[in-house]
C-alpha cells in the first residue's frame, strides 16, 4: 500500500495574495468589453484619449486592467460635476 502524499497546507484566505494574470483583449474583444464600437477604439488610438494599448507586431491588444482604469476615470456623479464640465467644455451641447 502506498502512503498518501502530503499536500502543502493552504495559507488562510486573508494572507493569500492572488494576483490574476493580465489578460489581453483584441480590439474587437475590448470594444465588446466596454460596449463600444471597434471603430471608436481605432479612432481613439489615432487621435488620443482612449485606453492604453499594446502593439505586438501588427496586433493591437488591450489589458483588461487598462480598460477598467480608463472607464473608471470617466465616472461622474452628475453632469453638473465640475470635472465633467471641465472635460466636456468643448462639446457643442455645453456651448451657449
Protein backbone atom coordinates (compact mmCIF):
# COMPACT_ATOMS: atom_id res chain seq x y z
CA UNK A 1 0.00 0.00 0.00
CA UNK A 2 1.36 3.43 -0.96
CA UNK A 3 1.45 6.20 1.59
CA UNK A 4 -0.81 9.13 0.87
CA UNK A 5 1.27 12.08 -0.39
CA UNK A 6 1.28 15.06 1.90
CA UNK A 7 -0.31 18.16 0.47
CA UNK A 8 1.11 21.54 1.34
CA UNK A 9 -1.14 23.29 3.80
CA UNK A 10 -3.08 26.11 2.24
CA UNK A 11 -2.49 29.53 3.68
CA UNK A 12 -5.53 31.26 5.13
CA UNK A 13 -7.50 33.23 2.57
CA UNK A 14 -6.66 36.54 4.26
CA UNK A 15 -2.92 36.04 3.75
CA UNK A 16 -3.06 34.81 0.17
CA UNK A 17 -2.20 37.48 -2.39
CA UNK A 18 -3.60 36.01 -5.60
CA UNK A 19 -2.63 38.29 -8.46
CA UNK A 20 -4.61 37.41 -11.57
CA UNK A 21 -2.52 37.35 -14.72
CA UNK A 22 -3.02 40.25 -17.10
CA UNK A 23 -5.43 39.25 -19.78
CA UNK A 24 -5.09 40.87 -23.15
CA UNK A 25 -8.02 41.51 -25.45
CA UNK A 26 -8.09 42.20 -29.17
CA UNK A 27 -9.64 45.42 -30.45
CA UNK A 28 -12.99 43.72 -31.06
CA UNK A 29 -12.97 41.99 -27.65
CA UNK A 30 -12.03 45.25 -25.90
CA UNK A 31 -14.85 47.06 -27.70
CA UNK A 32 -17.31 44.36 -26.60
CA UNK A 33 -15.97 44.58 -23.04
CA UNK A 34 -16.54 48.37 -22.98
CA UNK A 35 -19.71 48.14 -25.10
CA UNK A 36 -18.23 50.46 -27.69
CA UNK A 37 -17.81 50.18 -31.41
CA UNK A 38 -14.47 48.69 -32.51
CA UNK A 39 -14.15 51.73 -34.78
CA UNK A 40 -14.35 54.02 -31.73
CA UNK A 41 -11.28 52.37 -30.20
CA UNK A 42 -9.46 52.53 -33.54
CA UNK A 43 -10.20 56.23 -33.84
CA UNK A 44 -9.11 56.92 -30.26
CA UNK A 45 -5.78 55.21 -30.91
CA UNK A 46 -5.15 57.73 -33.68
CA UNK A 47 -6.44 60.94 -32.09
CA UNK A 48 -5.73 60.02 -28.45
CA UNK A 49 -7.92 59.87 -25.39
CA UNK A 50 -8.57 56.15 -25.49
CA UNK A 51 -7.37 53.39 -23.19
CA UNK A 52 -3.70 52.35 -23.13
CA UNK A 53 -2.91 49.67 -25.69
CA UNK A 54 -0.01 47.43 -26.63
CA UNK A 55 1.34 46.50 -30.02
CA UNK A 56 2.69 43.03 -30.67
CA UNK A 57 3.88 43.27 -34.24
CA UNK A 58 0.80 44.35 -36.16
CA UNK A 59 -1.59 43.19 -33.47
CA UNK A 60 -3.14 45.71 -31.07
CA UNK A 61 -4.01 44.38 -27.62
CA UNK A 62 -5.61 45.89 -24.54
CA UNK A 63 -5.04 44.76 -20.94
CA UNK A 64 -8.30 44.38 -19.01
CA UNK A 65 -6.80 46.41 -16.14
CA UNK A 66 -6.12 49.32 -18.50
CA UNK A 67 -9.67 49.19 -19.86
CA UNK A 68 -11.08 49.25 -16.32
CA UNK A 69 -8.81 52.15 -15.30
CA UNK A 70 -9.80 54.13 -18.39
CA UNK A 71 -13.50 53.54 -17.75
CA UNK A 72 -13.16 54.40 -14.04
CA UNK A 73 -11.52 57.71 -14.93
CA UNK A 74 -14.73 58.63 -16.74
CA UNK A 75 -17.19 58.21 -13.88
CA UNK A 76 -19.10 61.26 -12.65
CA UNK A 77 -21.83 61.95 -10.11
CA UNK A 78 -23.83 64.29 -12.37
CA UNK A 79 -23.49 66.44 -15.47
CA UNK A 80 -23.08 69.47 -13.21
CA UNK A 81 -19.96 67.87 -11.67
CA UNK A 82 -17.09 70.39 -12.19
CA UNK A 83 -14.81 67.61 -13.53
CA UNK A 84 -17.46 66.62 -16.05
CA UNK A 85 -17.96 70.22 -17.18
CA UNK A 86 -14.21 70.79 -17.49
CA UNK A 87 -13.68 67.61 -19.51
CA UNK A 88 -16.64 68.32 -21.81
CA UNK A 89 -16.18 72.09 -22.14
CA UNK A 90 -15.57 71.82 -25.89
CA UNK A 91 -18.72 69.81 -26.55
CA UNK A 92 -21.33 71.69 -28.58
CA UNK A 93 -24.03 70.83 -26.07
CA UNK A 94 -22.26 72.96 -23.42
CA UNK A 95 -21.63 75.96 -25.64
CA UNK A 96 -24.00 78.88 -25.40
